[in-house]
Amino acid sequence: MISSVSSPTPEAAQAALDEVKSVAESIRGVDGPEEFVTLRDSWTTSIDAFAAEGEKAIGGDMTGLDAATTEMHAATDAMLGYCTP
């Protein structure tokens, strides 16, 4: 996901971010126990924030991208920790 912002052209970067948003929507459709749903919602929220900051970065505003990337990593790690035995 992170490489989507560094695509060779703004159009390619936007297309990649659109795909990231689509994946987040698919993830929202996965149901499970309450703890899973809480982690899923945190994860998809962090993906949404990353995509929003990625779009700003395409326009030249990189100020929030590092924080959004860090948050997305943390949420992804939490989800992986939950799903990994």
C-alpha atoms as a PDB file:
ATOM      1  CA  MET A   1       0.000   0.000   0.000  1.00  0.00           C
ATOM      2  CA  ILE A   2       2.699   2.431   0.917  1.00  0.00           C
ATOM      3  CA  SER A   3       4.315   2.189  -2.509  1.00  0.00           C
ATOM      4  CA  SER A   4       1.044   3.399  -4.047  1.00  0.00           C
ATOM      5  CA  VAL A   5       1.949   6.983  -3.149  1.00  0.00           C
ATOM      6  CA  SER A   6       5.330   6.715  -4.818  1.00  0.00           C
ATOM      7  CA  SER A   7       3.988   5.495  -8.162  1.00  0.00           C
ATOM      8  CA  PRO A   8       5.767   6.966 -11.196  1.00  0.00           C
ATOM      9  CA  THR A   9       2.955   9.361 -12.138  1.00  0.00           C
ATOM     10  CA  PRO A  10       0.203  11.125 -10.202  1.00  0.00           C
ATOM     11  CA  GLU A  11      -2.350   9.183 -12.254  1.00  0.00           C
ATOM     12  CA  ALA A  12      -0.752   5.856 -11.355  1.00  0.00           C
ATOM     13  CA  ALA A  13      -0.561   6.882  -7.700  1.00  0.00           C
ATOM     14  CA  GLN A  14      -4.238   7.863  -7.697  1.00  0.00           C
ATOM     15  CA  ALA A  15      -5.216   4.586  -9.385  1.00  0.00           C
ATOM     16  CA  ALA A  16      -3.258   2.677  -6.739  1.00  0.00           C
ATOM     17  CA  LEU A  17      -4.935   4.630  -3.932  1.00  0.00           C
ATOM     18  CA  ASP A  18      -8.332   3.946  -5.485  1.00  0.00           C
ATOM     19  CA  GLU A  19      -7.481   0.238  -5.351  1.00  0.00           C
ATOM     20  CA  VAL A  20      -6.421   0.597  -1.703  1.00  0.00           C
ATOM     21  CA  LYS A  21      -9.804   2.179  -0.934  1.00  0.00           C
ATOM     22  CA  SER A  22     -11.558  -0.683  -2.707  1.00  0.00           C
ATOM     23  CA  VAL A  23      -9.663  -3.231  -0.621  1.00  0.00           C
ATOM     24  CA  ALA A  24     -10.644  -1.378   2.568  1.00  0.00           C
ATOM     25  CA  GLU A  25     -14.298  -1.574   1.527  1.00  0.00           C
ATOM     26  CA  SER A  26     -13.950  -5.321   0.974  1.00  0.00           C
ATOM     27  CA  ILE A  27     -12.350  -5.726   4.406  1.00  0.00           C
ATOM     28  CA  ARG A  28     -15.313  -3.907   5.975  1.00  0.00           C
ATOM     29  CA  GLY A  29     -17.534  -6.719   4.698  1.00  0.00           C
ATOM     30  CA  VAL A  30     -15.712  -9.371   6.733  1.00  0.00           C
ATOM     31  CA  ASP A  31     -17.559 -10.204   9.929  1.00  0.00           C
ATOM     32  CA  GLY A  32     -16.413 -11.943  13.056  1.00  0.00           C
ATOM     33  CA  PRO A  33     -16.294 -11.786  16.830  1.00  0.00           C
ATOM     34  CA  GLU A  34     -16.474  -8.411  18.567  1.00  0.00           C
ATOM     35  CA  GLU A  35     -12.706  -8.172  19.103  1.00  0.00           C
ATOM     36  CA  PHE A  36     -12.107  -8.887  15.405  1.00  0.00           C
ATOM     37  CA  VAL A  37     -14.673  -6.290  14.336  1.00  0.00           C
ATOM     38  CA  THR A  38     -13.034  -3.689  16.582  1.00  0.00           C
ATOM     39  CA  LEU A  39      -9.616  -4.429  15.065  1.00  0.00           C
ATOM     40  CA  ARG A  40     -11.100  -4.534  11.555  1.00  0.00           C
ATOM     41  CA  ASP A  41     -12.680  -1.125  12.031  1.00  0.00           C
ATOM     42  CA  SER A  42      -9.438   0.328  13.380  1.00  0.00           C
ATOM     43  CA  TRP A  43      -7.541  -1.161  10.461  1.00  0.00           C
ATOM     44  CA  THR A  44      -9.910   0.120   7.793  1.00  0.00           C
ATOM     45  CA  THR A  45     -10.002   3.552   9.424  1.00  0.00           C
ATOM     46  CA  SER A  46      -6.211   3.649   9.284  1.00  0.00           C
ATOM     47  CA  ILE A  47      -6.283   2.579   5.633  1.00  0.00           C
ATOM     48  CA  ASP A  48      -8.774   5.365   4.877  1.00  0.00           C
ATOM     49  CA  ALA A  49      -6.523   7.885   6.633  1.00  0.00           C
ATOM     50  CA  PHE A  50      -3.508   6.639   4.690  1.00  0.00           C
ATOM     51  CA  ALA A  51      -5.417   6.957   1.397  1.00  0.00           C
ATOM     52  CA  ALA A  52      -6.543  10.486   2.271  1.00  0.00           C
ATOM     53  CA  GLU A  53      -3.014  11.528   3.201  1.00  0.00           C
ATOM     54  CA  GLY A  54      -1.714   9.788   0.085  1.00  0.00           C
ATOM     55  CA  GLU A  55      -4.024  11.894  -2.046  1.00  0.00           C
ATOM     56  CA  LYS A  56      -2.741  15.015  -0.323  1.00  0.00           C
ATOM     57  CA  ALA A  57       0.827  13.821  -0.946  1.00  0.00           C
ATOM     58  CA  ILE A  58       0.094  13.460  -4.652  1.00  0.00           C
ATOM     59  CA  GLY A  59      -0.842  17.142  -4.554  1.00  0.00           C
ATOM     60  CA  GLY A  60       2.415  17.989  -2.778  1.00  0.00           C
ATOM     61  CA  ASP A  61       1.307  18.075   0.880  1.00  0.00           C
ATOM     62  CA  MET A  62       3.345  15.373   2.623  1.00  0.00           C
ATOM     63  CA  THR A  63       2.742  16.656   6.171  1.00  0.00           C
ATOM     64  CA  GLY A  64       0.430  13.876   7.363  1.00  0.00           C
ATOM     65  CA  LEU A  65       1.726  10.931   5.385  1.00  0.00           C
ATOM     66  CA  ASP A  66       4.304   9.674   7.893  1.00  0.00           C
ATOM     67  CA  ALA A  67       1.810   9.663  10.778  1.00  0.00           C
ATOM     68  CA  ALA A  68      -0.857   7.938   8.660  1.00  0.00           C
ATOM     69  CA  THR A  69       1.669   5.347   7.518  1.00  0.00           C
ATOM     70  CA  THR A  70       2.782   4.670  11.097  1.00  0.00           C
ATOM     71  CA  GLU A  71      -0.820   4.302  12.261  1.00  0.00           C
ATOM     72  CA  MET A  72      -1.644   1.964   9.382  1.00  0.00           C
ATOM     73  CA  HIS A  73       1.388  -0.187  10.245  1.00  0.00           C
ATOM     74  CA  ALA A  74       0.286  -0.397  13.881  1.00  0.00           C
ATOM     75  CA  ALA A  75      -3.298  -1.310  12.967  1.00  0.00           C
ATOM     76  CA  THR A  76      -2.068  -3.903  10.463  1.00  0.00           C
ATOM     77  CA  ASP A  77       0.239  -5.415  13.076  1.00  0.00           C
ATOM     78  CA  ALA A  78      -2.649  -5.601  15.563  1.00  0.00           C
ATOM     79  CA  MET A  79      -4.843  -7.358  13.009  1.00  0.00           C
ATOM     80  CA  LEU A  80      -2.082  -9.782  12.069  1.00  0.00           C
ATOM     81  CA  GLY A  81      -1.419 -10.483  15.732  1.00  0.00           C
ATOM     82  CA  TYR A  82      -5.075 -11.304  16.248  1.00  0.00           C
ATOM     83  CA  CYS A  83      -5.298 -13.541  13.174  1.00  0.00           C
ATOM     84  CA  THR A  84      -2.000 -15.357  13.679  1.00  0.00           C
ATOM     85  CA  PRO A  85      -2.040 -18.287  16.098  1.00  0.00           C
END
